[in-house]
């Protein structure tokens, strides 16, 4: 079956490159993936899948049916949205939309999903379980997975697979990770409320800007002395707003930031931990405060058995020297984790780096490019892993 899958992908390769370049040239922002969704739905329908549009607002769901009686249902999730970045690659198929670019590889993800659907549609009767394809909007704002789940995308799903490009891995190789792959990402707002006064007489006021600086310093110092260094926490304040005039002591400052963590136990303690530090600093200097901690997406925790399945499929397809077991997680975030609250699954890293380049620009960079040969690697790996899952589960 592996040989047949490889032959099918080789035949499809020119079409897959064409699909990827079309999507890359016509990027759409989160929640606005109307043309992309229509295009995806058309490709899925032409491959014989049952298609539902408008899942998760602008998402698409395609289901591959067969005549087997196995009740297992495998989901394959890929995301479709682009970023508000002006592309600077000078490619012939560069973005035609001003200020919008596929700088995170979601055009490749969508293509891998479509290619896998095309391949599996050719061997549908040899699969032991049903396969559902989820083409998700709004991953970049960490909302799309929740929208899809609310619309029933995970109903009856018993396992799920995902993929994300990785420019630091060369094209032709993949990376797998057991356990934590990405971090939980939460939003933080801190408001410091002091009292305004003349800039020449700060002792008569309560300086919210100065107190805010103490809060930031205290939080960063406390991480290194009160948090377990083997369970990392990253807290970054990305925006500060406050003050009225150069000669007026600020009476209010707003801090906005992000909080990243890998372990659920640590994450559950962070809201109280942050508020206690803010409270101690503010009370010391007579200020009031407000802390708004908004949970975002949880950490992606790859299932051991499904990750093992992915690794074995990739090693059979490409040899073990082209499969990396990643030693470290990323503190980036991925709302693939939302699906994992409903079924076990695993996301693998697809290498897209050029082997002959000194620099492969990182994700979210205006000059980010991918070696398109990686698409073949991604489709073969995903399709064969899906086949192995369906065969293994149906045999029990």
Foldseek 3Di string as FASTA:
>chain_A
DLVLLLVLLVVCVVVLVVQLLVLQQEAAAFLGCQVVLVVLQVLLVVLPWDKDACQLHGKIKTKQDEDAPDLAEEEEEAERHWDQAAADAPDPSHYPDGRTGRQFCSSLQSSLLSLLSNSCSVVVHLFQYMYMYIYWGDFVVQRTVVSNVVSPVLPSHAEYEYEGAFAVAAFLFWEFEAWFAEWWKKKKKKKKFKAKDWLVCCVVIQARVVLVVVLVVQVVVCQVPPPDPVWDKDKDFDDKDWDDDPGMRTRMMMTIIMMITGDPVVVVCPVVVSVVSSVVSCVVRVIDMDMDMGGGAHTDTADPVLSVLLQVQLCVNRNNVRYHHDPDHYHDDGSVRVSCVSHHYTYMYQHFHHPPDPDQDGRPDSNHDGNSSSSSSSNSSVNSSSRVVRVVVSVD
